[in-house]
Amino acid sequence: DKYHAAGFEILGISLDDNKDRLLAFVKENHITWP
């Protein structure tokens, strides 16, 4: 949040095996990066 506007990006590589759990966590925690 602090550095994104300055050119900082994140790419998440999830080792999850449950898609629904990952999607719920991302939504609940407002994670916007891919």
PDB file of all heavy atoms in Angstrom:
ATOM      1  N   ASP A   1       0.821  -1.213   0.000  1.00  0.00           N
ATOM      2  CA  ASP A   1       0.000   0.000   0.000  1.00  0.00           C
ATOM      3  C   ASP A   1       0.857   1.267   0.000  1.00  0.00           C
ATOM      4  O   ASP A   1       0.501   2.272  -0.622  1.00  0.00           O
ATOM      5  CB  ASP A   1      -0.926   0.011   1.221  1.00  0.00           C
ATOM      6  CG  ASP A   1      -2.000  -1.065   1.146  1.00  0.00           C
ATOM      7  OD1 ASP A   1      -2.251  -1.568   0.042  1.00  0.00           O
ATOM      8  OD2 ASP A   1      -2.568  -1.418   2.208  1.00  0.00           O
ATOM      9  N   LYS A   2       2.001   1.204   0.676  1.00  0.00           N
ATOM     10  CA  LYS A   2       2.857   2.382   0.786  1.00  0.00           C
ATOM     11  C   LYS A   2       3.630   2.669  -0.495  1.00  0.00           C
ATOM     12  O   LYS A   2       3.824   3.840  -0.864  1.00  0.00           O
ATOM     13  CB  LYS A   2       3.827   2.204   1.952  1.00  0.00           C
ATOM     14  CG  LYS A   2       4.719   3.419   2.218  1.00  0.00           C
ATOM     15  CD  LYS A   2       5.546   3.208   3.475  1.00  0.00           C
ATOM     16  CE  LYS A   2       6.437   4.433   3.754  1.00  0.00           C
ATOM     17  NZ  LYS A   2       7.228   4.254   5.012  1.00  0.00           N
ATOM     18  N   TYR A   3       4.050   1.609  -1.205  1.00  0.00           N
ATOM     19  CA  TYR A   3       4.967   1.806  -2.331  1.00  0.00           C
ATOM     20  C   TYR A   3       4.376   1.450  -3.698  1.00  0.00           C
ATOM     21  O   TYR A   3       5.048   1.615  -4.721  1.00  0.00           O
ATOM     22  CB  TYR A   3       6.238   0.977  -2.113  1.00  0.00           C
ATOM     23  CG  TYR A   3       7.086   1.488  -0.976  1.00  0.00           C
ATOM     24  CD1 TYR A   3       7.016   0.893   0.282  1.00  0.00           C
ATOM     25  CD2 TYR A   3       7.958   2.559  -1.146  1.00  0.00           C
ATOM     26  CE1 TYR A   3       7.791   1.353   1.337  1.00  0.00           C
ATOM     27  CE2 TYR A   3       8.739   3.032  -0.101  1.00  0.00           C
ATOM     28  CZ  TYR A   3       8.647   2.428   1.140  1.00  0.00           C
ATOM     29  OH  TYR A   3       9.417   2.896   2.181  1.00  0.00           O
ATOM     30  N   HIS A   4       3.142   0.972  -3.727  1.00  0.00           N
ATOM     31  CA  HIS A   4       2.565   0.563  -5.013  1.00  0.00           C
ATOM     32  C   HIS A   4       2.523   1.722  -6.014  1.00  0.00           C
ATOM     33  O   HIS A   4       2.889   1.559  -7.186  1.00  0.00           O
ATOM     34  CB  HIS A   4       1.156   0.002  -4.807  1.00  0.00           C
ATOM     35  CG  HIS A   4       0.471  -0.385  -6.077  1.00  0.00           C
ATOM     36  ND1 HIS A   4       0.977  -1.330  -6.954  1.00  0.00           N
ATOM     37  CD2 HIS A   4      -0.700   0.044  -6.639  1.00  0.00           C
ATOM     38  CE1 HIS A   4       0.175  -1.471  -7.980  1.00  0.00           C
ATOM     39  NE2 HIS A   4      -0.852  -0.642  -7.829  1.00  0.00           N
ATOM     40  N   ALA A   5       2.113   2.876  -5.554  1.00  0.00           N
ATOM     41  CA  ALA A   5       2.028   4.033  -6.451  1.00  0.00           C
ATOM     42  C   ALA A   5       3.387   4.463  -6.974  1.00  0.00           C
ATOM     43  O   ALA A   5       3.488   5.077  -8.046  1.00  0.00           O
ATOM     44  CB  ALA A   5       1.347   5.202  -5.722  1.00  0.00           C
ATOM     45  N   ALA A   6       4.446   4.090  -6.237  1.00  0.00           N
ATOM     46  CA  ALA A   6       5.803   4.454  -6.648  1.00  0.00           C
ATOM     47  C   ALA A   6       6.419   3.421  -7.589  1.00  0.00           C
ATOM     48  O   ALA A   6       7.553   3.596  -8.046  1.00  0.00           O
ATOM     49  CB  ALA A   6       6.686   4.634  -5.411  1.00  0.00           C
ATOM     50  N   GLY A   7       5.669   2.328  -7.863  1.00  0.00           N
ATOM     51  CA  GLY A   7       6.179   1.329  -8.801  1.00  0.00           C
ATOM     52  C   GLY A   7       6.496  -0.025  -8.193  1.00  0.00           C
ATOM     53  O   GLY A   7       7.295  -0.781  -8.757  1.00  0.00           O
ATOM     54  N   PHE A   8       5.855  -0.362  -7.082  1.00  0.00           N
ATOM     55  CA  PHE A   8       6.082  -1.658  -6.446  1.00  0.00           C
ATOM     56  C   PHE A   8       4.909  -2.590  -6.754  1.00  0.00           C
ATOM     57  O   PHE A   8       3.749  -2.233  -6.537  1.00  0.00           O
ATOM     58  CB  PHE A   8       6.235  -1.490  -4.941  1.00  0.00           C
ATOM     59  CG  PHE A   8       6.399  -2.784  -4.174  1.00  0.00           C
ATOM     60  CD1 PHE A   8       7.368  -3.712  -4.534  1.00  0.00           C
ATOM     61  CD2 PHE A   8       5.577  -3.076  -3.091  1.00  0.00           C
ATOM     62  CE1 PHE A   8       7.526  -4.909  -3.833  1.00  0.00           C
ATOM     63  CE2 PHE A   8       5.728  -4.258  -2.373  1.00  0.00           C
ATOM     64  CZ  PHE A   8       6.705  -5.172  -2.750  1.00  0.00           C
ATOM     65  N   GLU A   9       5.232  -3.778  -7.258  1.00  0.00           N
ATOM     66  CA  GLU A   9       4.216  -4.779  -7.578  1.00  0.00           C
ATOM     67  C   GLU A   9       4.505  -6.075  -6.825  1.00  0.00           C
ATOM     68  O   GLU A   9       5.648  -6.342  -6.446  1.00  0.00           O
ATOM     69  CB  GLU A   9       4.190  -5.071  -9.085  1.00  0.00           C
ATOM     70  CG  GLU A   9       3.902  -3.872  -9.962  1.00  0.00           C
ATOM     71  CD  GLU A   9       2.437  -3.462  -9.912  1.00  0.00           C
ATOM     72  OE1 GLU A   9       1.620  -4.209  -9.327  1.00  0.00           O
ATOM     73  OE2 GLU A   9       2.109  -2.394 -10.466  1.00  0.00           O
ATOM     74  N   ILE A  10       3.474  -6.875  -6.630  1.00  0.00           N
ATOM     75  CA  ILE A  10       3.628  -8.196  -6.020  1.00  0.00           C
ATOM     76  C   ILE A  10       2.959  -9.227  -6.913  1.00  0.00           C
ATOM     77  O   ILE A  10       1.856  -8.997  -7.432  1.00  0.00           O
ATOM     78  CB  ILE A  10       3.008  -8.254  -4.608  1.00  0.00           C
ATOM     79  CG1 ILE A  10       3.669  -7.246  -3.672  1.00  0.00           C
ATOM     80  CG2 ILE A  10       3.140  -9.672  -4.029  1.00  0.00           C
ATOM     81  CD1 ILE A  10       3.072  -7.221  -2.271  1.00  0.00           C
ATOM     82  N   LEU A  11       3.608 -10.361  -7.092  1.00  0.00           N
ATOM     83  CA  LEU A  11       3.034 -11.513  -7.783  1.00  0.00           C
ATOM     84  C   LEU A  11       2.987 -12.661  -6.782  1.00  0.00           C
ATOM     85  O   LEU A  11       4.026 -13.111  -6.292  1.00  0.00           O
ATOM     86  CB  LEU A  11       3.873 -11.898  -8.999  1.00  0.00           C
ATOM     87  CG  LEU A  11       4.090 -10.802 -10.060  1.00  0.00           C
ATOM     88  CD1 LEU A  11       4.961 -11.336 -11.190  1.00  0.00           C
ATOM     89  CD2 LEU A  11       2.761 -10.285 -10.591  1.00  0.00           C
ATOM     90  N   GLY A  12       1.791 -13.121  -6.465  1.00  0.00           N
ATOM     91  CA  GLY A  12       1.645 -14.206  -5.504  1.00  0.00           C
ATOM     92  C   GLY A  12       1.701 -15.564  -6.177  1.00  0.00           C
ATOM     93  O   GLY A  12       1.049 -15.787  -7.198  1.00  0.00           O
ATOM     94  N   ILE A  13       2.494 -16.468  -5.619  1.00  0.00           N
ATOM     95  CA  ILE A  13       2.546 -17.858  -6.086  1.00  0.00           C
ATOM     96  C   ILE A  13       2.018 -18.705  -4.933  1.00  0.00           C
ATOM     97  O   ILE A  13       2.728 -18.987  -3.965  1.00  0.00           O
ATOM     98  CB  ILE A  13       3.973 -18.284  -6.467  1.00  0.00           C
ATOM     99  CG1 ILE A  13       4.612 -17.275  -7.434  1.00  0.00           C
ATOM    100  CG2 ILE A  13       3.951 -19.694  -7.062  1.00  0.00           C
ATOM    101  CD1 ILE A  13       3.895 -17.122  -8.745  1.00  0.00           C
ATOM    102  N   SER A  14       0.748 -19.095  -5.028  1.00  0.00           N
ATOM    103  CA  SER A  14       0.094 -19.793  -3.930  1.00  0.00           C
ATOM    104  C   SER A  14       0.310 -21.299  -4.015  1.00  0.00           C
ATOM    105  O   SER A  14       0.010 -21.924  -5.037  1.00  0.00           O
ATOM    106  CB  SER A  14      -1.402 -19.494  -3.934  1.00  0.00           C
ATOM    107  OG  SER A  14      -2.081 -20.354  -3.044  1.00  0.00           O
ATOM    108  N   LEU A  15       0.795 -21.878  -2.925  1.00  0.00           N
ATOM    109  CA  LEU A  15       0.971 -23.321  -2.839  1.00  0.00           C
ATOM    110  C   LEU A  15      -0.253 -23.982  -2.213  1.00  0.00           C
ATOM    111  O   LEU A  15      -0.186 -25.107  -1.717  1.00  0.00           O
ATOM    112  CB  LEU A  15       2.226 -23.668  -2.042  1.00  0.00           C
ATOM    113  CG  LEU A  15       3.543 -23.672  -2.835  1.00  0.00           C
ATOM    114  CD1 LEU A  15       3.910 -22.271  -3.286  1.00  0.00           C
ATOM    115  CD2 LEU A  15       4.678 -24.262  -2.005  1.00  0.00           C
ATOM    116  N   ASP A  16      -1.367 -23.288  -2.242  1.00  0.00           N
ATOM    117  CA  ASP A  16      -2.607 -23.866  -1.722  1.00  0.00           C
ATOM    118  C   ASP A  16      -3.075 -25.023  -2.591  1.00  0.00           C
ATOM    119  O   ASP A  16      -2.742 -25.109  -3.778  1.00  0.00           O
ATOM    120  CB  ASP A  16      -3.705 -22.795  -1.687  1.00  0.00           C
ATOM    121  CG  ASP A  16      -3.598 -21.909  -0.465  1.00  0.00           C
ATOM    122  OD1 ASP A  16      -4.008 -22.356   0.612  1.00  0.00           O
ATOM    123  OD2 ASP A  16      -3.097 -20.773  -0.587  1.00  0.00           O
ATOM    124  N   ASP A  17      -3.886 -25.893  -1.989  1.00  0.00           N
ATOM    125  CA  ASP A  17      -4.499 -26.961  -2.760  1.00  0.00           C
ATOM    126  C   ASP A  17      -6.023 -26.848  -2.734  1.00  0.00           C
ATOM    127  O   ASP A  17      -6.725 -27.718  -3.244  1.00  0.00           O
ATOM    128  CB  ASP A  17      -4.069 -28.342  -2.256  1.00  0.00           C
ATOM    129  CG  ASP A  17      -4.316 -28.522  -0.758  1.00  0.00           C
ATOM    130  OD1 ASP A  17      -4.958 -27.642  -0.142  1.00  0.00           O
ATOM    131  OD2 ASP A  17      -3.858 -29.540  -0.204  1.00  0.00           O
ATOM    132  N   ASN A  18      -6.535 -25.761  -2.132  1.00  0.00           N
ATOM    133  CA  ASN A  18      -7.965 -25.539  -2.049  1.00  0.00           C
ATOM    134  C   ASN A  18      -8.275 -24.152  -2.627  1.00  0.00           C
ATOM    135  O   ASN A  18      -7.970 -23.130  -2.004  1.00  0.00           O
ATOM    136  CB  ASN A  18      -8.435 -25.643  -0.594  1.00  0.00           C
ATOM    137  CG  ASN A  18      -9.946 -25.552  -0.456  1.00  0.00           C
ATOM    138  OD1 ASN A  18     -10.573 -24.642  -0.966  1.00  0.00           O
ATOM    139  ND2 ASN A  18     -10.527 -26.504   0.261  1.00  0.00           N
ATOM    140  N   LYS A  19      -8.862 -24.129  -3.812  1.00  0.00           N
ATOM    141  CA  LYS A  19      -9.103 -22.869  -4.509  1.00  0.00           C
ATOM    142  C   LYS A  19     -10.073 -21.981  -3.754  1.00  0.00           C
ATOM    143  O   LYS A  19      -9.863 -20.764  -3.634  1.00  0.00           O
ATOM    144  CB  LYS A  19      -9.634 -23.158  -5.910  1.00  0.00           C
ATOM    145  CG  LYS A  19      -9.846 -21.920  -6.764  1.00  0.00           C
ATOM    146  CD  LYS A  19     -10.311 -22.316  -8.156  1.00  0.00           C
ATOM    147  CE  LYS A  19     -10.500 -21.101  -9.057  1.00  0.00           C
ATOM    148  NZ  LYS A  19     -10.937 -21.508 -10.427  1.00  0.00           N
ATOM    149  N   ASP A  20     -11.132 -22.562  -3.212  1.00  0.00           N
ATOM    150  CA  ASP A  20     -12.132 -21.775  -2.501  1.00  0.00           C
ATOM    151  C   ASP A  20     -11.533 -21.105  -1.272  1.00  0.00           C
ATOM    152  O   ASP A  20     -11.850 -19.946  -0.963  1.00  0.00           O
ATOM    153  CB  ASP A  20     -13.317 -22.649  -2.094  1.00  0.00           C
ATOM    154  CG  ASP A  20     -14.144 -23.103  -3.290  1.00  0.00           C
ATOM    155  OD1 ASP A  20     -14.075 -22.441  -4.344  1.00  0.00           O
ATOM    156  OD2 ASP A  20     -14.850 -24.120  -3.170  1.00  0.00           O
ATOM    157  N   ARG A  21     -10.671 -21.824  -0.569  1.00  0.00           N
ATOM    158  CA  ARG A  21     -10.042 -21.254   0.623  1.00  0.00           C
ATOM    159  C   ARG A  21      -9.143 -20.079   0.242  1.00  0.00           C
ATOM    160  O   ARG A  21      -9.112 -19.049   0.905  1.00  0.00           O
ATOM    161  CB  ARG A  21      -9.242 -22.320   1.371  1.00  0.00           C
ATOM    162  CG  ARG A  21      -8.621 -21.816   2.687  1.00  0.00           C
ATOM    163  CD  ARG A  21      -7.802 -22.904   3.349  1.00  0.00           C
ATOM    164  NE  ARG A  21      -8.628 -24.057   3.637  1.00  0.00           N
ATOM    165  CZ  ARG A  21      -8.228 -25.315   3.535  1.00  0.00           C
ATOM    166  NH1 ARG A  21      -6.997 -25.583   3.102  1.00  0.00           N
ATOM    167  NH2 ARG A  21      -9.033 -26.308   3.853  1.00  0.00           N
ATOM    168  N   LEU A  22      -8.399 -20.234  -0.847  1.00  0.00           N
ATOM    169  CA  LEU A  22      -7.531 -19.157  -1.307  1.00  0.00           C
ATOM    170  C   LEU A  22      -8.349 -17.931  -1.703  1.00  0.00           C
ATOM    171  O   LEU A  22      -8.041 -16.805  -1.292  1.00  0.00           O
ATOM    172  CB  LEU A  22      -6.689 -19.633  -2.493  1.00  0.00           C
ATOM    173  CG  LEU A  22      -5.875 -18.552  -3.208  1.00  0.00           C
ATOM    174  CD1 LEU A  22      -4.847 -17.926  -2.273  1.00  0.00           C
ATOM    175  CD2 LEU A  22      -5.196 -19.126  -4.453  1.00  0.00           C
ATOM    176  N   LEU A  23      -9.400 -18.145  -2.495  1.00  0.00           N
ATOM    177  CA  LEU A  23     -10.223 -17.034  -2.946  1.00  0.00           C
ATOM    178  C   LEU A  23     -10.877 -16.312  -1.769  1.00  0.00           C
ATOM    179  O   LEU A  23     -10.962 -15.079  -1.743  1.00  0.00           O
ATOM    180  CB  LEU A  23     -11.292 -17.529  -3.918  1.00  0.00           C
ATOM    181  CG  LEU A  23     -10.791 -17.979  -5.298  1.00  0.00           C
ATOM    182  CD1 LEU A  23     -11.918 -18.606  -6.097  1.00  0.00           C
ATOM    183  CD2 LEU A  23     -10.182 -16.810  -6.057  1.00  0.00           C
ATOM    184  N   ALA A  24     -11.333 -17.077  -0.781  1.00  0.00           N
ATOM    185  CA  ALA A  24     -11.964 -16.472   0.393  1.00  0.00           C
ATOM    186  C   ALA A  24     -10.958 -15.637   1.179  1.00  0.00           C
ATOM    187  O   ALA A  24     -11.274 -14.525   1.629  1.00  0.00           O
ATOM    188  CB  ALA A  24     -12.561 -17.567   1.286  1.00  0.00           C
ATOM    189  N   PHE A  25      -9.738 -16.162   1.320  1.00  0.00           N
ATOM    190  CA  PHE A  25      -8.707 -15.442   2.069  1.00  0.00           C
ATOM    191  C   PHE A  25      -8.327 -14.146   1.347  1.00  0.00           C
ATOM    192  O   PHE A  25      -8.203 -13.091   1.968  1.00  0.00           O
ATOM    193  CB  PHE A  25      -7.471 -16.324   2.238  1.00  0.00           C
ATOM    194  CG  PHE A  25      -6.387 -15.702   3.082  1.00  0.00           C
ATOM    195  CD1 PHE A  25      -6.330 -15.939   4.445  1.00  0.00           C
ATOM    196  CD2 PHE A  25      -5.419 -14.886   2.512  1.00  0.00           C
ATOM    197  CE1 PHE A  25      -5.339 -15.373   5.232  1.00  0.00           C
ATOM    198  CE2 PHE A  25      -4.424 -14.307   3.285  1.00  0.00           C
ATOM    199  CZ  PHE A  25      -4.388 -14.550   4.651  1.00  0.00           C
ATOM    200  N   VAL A  26      -8.149 -14.227   0.042  1.00  0.00           N
ATOM    201  CA  VAL A  26      -7.783 -13.051  -0.755  1.00  0.00           C
ATOM    202  C   VAL A  26      -8.859 -11.975  -0.663  1.00  0.00           C
ATOM    203  O   VAL A  26      -8.569 -10.781  -0.489  1.00  0.00           O
ATOM    204  CB  VAL A  26      -7.539 -13.459  -2.222  1.00  0.00           C
ATOM    205  CG1 VAL A  26      -7.482 -12.238  -3.126  1.00  0.00           C
ATOM    206  CG2 VAL A  26      -6.243 -14.262  -2.344  1.00  0.00           C
ATOM    207  N   LYS A  27     -10.125 -12.404  -0.752  1.00  0.00           N
ATOM    208  CA  LYS A  27     -11.224 -11.453  -0.678  1.00  0.00           C
ATOM    209  C   LYS A  27     -11.331 -10.829   0.712  1.00  0.00           C
ATOM    210  O   LYS A  27     -11.460  -9.600   0.854  1.00  0.00           O
ATOM    211  CB  LYS A  27     -12.536 -12.152  -1.037  1.00  0.00           C
ATOM    212  CG  LYS A  27     -13.746 -11.232  -1.020  1.00  0.00           C
ATOM    213  CD  LYS A  27     -15.003 -11.999  -1.421  1.00  0.00           C
ATOM    214  CE  LYS A  27     -16.234 -11.081  -1.403  1.00  0.00           C
ATOM    215  NZ  LYS A  27     -17.465 -11.819  -1.795  1.00  0.00           N
ATOM    216  N   GLU A  28     -11.262 -11.672   1.735  1.00  0.00           N
ATOM    217  CA  GLU A  28     -11.421 -11.195   3.110  1.00  0.00           C
ATOM    218  C   GLU A  28     -10.320 -10.212   3.507  1.00  0.00           C
ATOM    219  O   GLU A  28     -10.545  -9.273   4.259  1.00  0.00           O
ATOM    220  CB  GLU A  28     -11.431 -12.392   4.067  1.00  0.00           C
ATOM    221  CG  GLU A  28     -11.604 -12.017   5.532  1.00  0.00           C
ATOM    222  CD  GLU A  28     -11.584 -13.235   6.438  1.00  0.00           C
ATOM    223  OE1 GLU A  28     -11.671 -14.373   5.923  1.00  0.00           O
ATOM    224  OE2 GLU A  28     -11.480 -13.050   7.659  1.00  0.00           O
ATOM    225  N   ASN A  29      -9.107 -10.445   2.977  1.00  0.00           N
ATOM    226  CA  ASN A  29      -7.969  -9.610   3.359  1.00  0.00           C
ATOM    227  C   ASN A  29      -7.648  -8.526   2.328  1.00  0.00           C
ATOM    228  O   ASN A  29      -6.599  -7.883   2.427  1.00  0.00           O
ATOM    229  CB  ASN A  29      -6.743 -10.503   3.594  1.00  0.00           C
ATOM    230  CG  ASN A  29      -6.890 -11.357   4.835  1.00  0.00           C
ATOM    231  OD1 ASN A  29      -6.620 -10.916   5.944  1.00  0.00           O
ATOM    232  ND2 ASN A  29      -7.325 -12.604   4.645  1.00  0.00           N
ATOM    233  N   HIS A  30      -8.516  -8.365   1.345  1.00  0.00           N
ATOM    234  CA  HIS A  30      -8.390  -7.288   0.354  1.00  0.00           C
ATOM    235  C   HIS A  30      -7.029  -7.322  -0.347  1.00  0.00           C
ATOM    236  O   HIS A  30      -6.356  -6.299  -0.510  1.00  0.00           O
ATOM    237  CB  HIS A  30      -8.607  -5.921   1.019  1.00  0.00           C
ATOM    238  CG  HIS A  30      -9.874  -5.833   1.808  1.00  0.00           C
ATOM    239  ND1 HIS A  30     -11.114  -5.780   1.218  1.00  0.00           N
ATOM    240  CD2 HIS A  30     -10.088  -5.813   3.157  1.00  0.00           C
ATOM    241  CE1 HIS A  30     -12.054  -5.716   2.153  1.00  0.00           C
ATOM    242  NE2 HIS A  30     -11.455  -5.740   3.337  1.00  0.00           N
ATOM    243  N   ILE A  31      -6.643  -8.520  -0.768  1.00  0.00           N
ATOM    244  CA  ILE A  31      -5.386  -8.696  -1.496  1.00  0.00           C
ATOM    245  C   ILE A  31      -5.686  -8.525  -2.978  1.00  0.00           C
ATOM    246  O   ILE A  31      -6.437  -9.308  -3.568  1.00  0.00           O
ATOM    247  CB  ILE A  31      -4.776 -10.077  -1.208  1.00  0.00           C
ATOM    248  CG1 ILE A  31      -4.425 -10.191   0.270  1.00  0.00           C
ATOM    249  CG2 ILE A  31      -3.544 -10.314  -2.073  1.00  0.00           C
ATOM    250  CD1 ILE A  31      -4.015 -11.582   0.703  1.00  0.00           C
ATOM    251  N   THR A  32      -5.108  -7.510  -3.587  1.00  0.00           N
ATOM    252  CA  THR A  32      -5.464  -7.157  -4.965  1.00  0.00           C
ATOM    253  C   THR A  32      -4.457  -7.619  -6.008  1.00  0.00           C
ATOM    254  O   THR A  32      -4.755  -7.602  -7.204  1.00  0.00           O
ATOM    255  CB  THR A  32      -5.631  -5.633  -5.084  1.00  0.00           C
ATOM    256  OG1 THR A  32      -4.406  -4.986  -4.706  1.00  0.00           O
ATOM    257  CG2 THR A  32      -6.753  -5.144  -4.188  1.00  0.00           C
ATOM    258  N   TRP A  33      -3.252  -8.015  -5.590  1.00  0.00           N
ATOM    259  CA  TRP A  33      -2.266  -8.410  -6.598  1.00  0.00           C
ATOM    260  C   TRP A  33      -2.571  -9.818  -7.121  1.00  0.00           C
ATOM    261  O   TRP A  33      -3.220 -10.622  -6.466  1.00  0.00           O
ATOM    262  CB  TRP A  33      -0.851  -8.322  -6.027  1.00  0.00           C
ATOM    263  CG  TRP A  33      -0.595  -9.079  -4.752  1.00  0.00           C
ATOM    264  CD1 TRP A  33      -0.266 -10.392  -4.613  1.00  0.00           C
ATOM    265  CD2 TRP A  33      -0.622  -8.533  -3.420  1.00  0.00           C
ATOM    266  NE1 TRP A  33      -0.082 -10.713  -3.293  1.00  0.00           N
ATOM    267  CE2 TRP A  33      -0.293  -9.597  -2.537  1.00  0.00           C
ATOM    268  CE3 TRP A  33      -0.878  -7.276  -2.883  1.00  0.00           C
ATOM    269  CZ2 TRP A  33      -0.214  -9.429  -1.149  1.00  0.00           C
ATOM    270  CZ3 TRP A  33      -0.817  -7.096  -1.506  1.00  0.00           C
ATOM    271  CH2 TRP A  33      -0.497  -8.167  -0.654  1.00  0.00           C
ATOM    272  N   PRO A  34      -2.099 -10.134  -8.327  1.00  0.00           N
ATOM    273  CA  PRO A  34      -2.438 -11.422  -8.958  1.00  0.00           C
ATOM    274  C   PRO A  34      -1.840 -12.612  -8.216  1.00  0.00           C
ATOM    275  O   PRO A  34      -0.763 -12.532  -7.623  1.00  0.00           O
ATOM    276  CB  PRO A  34      -1.853 -11.298 -10.366  1.00  0.00           C
ATOM    277  CG  PRO A  34      -0.814 -10.228 -10.266  1.00  0.00           C
ATOM    278  CD  PRO A  34      -1.276  -9.286  -9.202  1.00  0.00           C
TER     279      PRO A  34
END
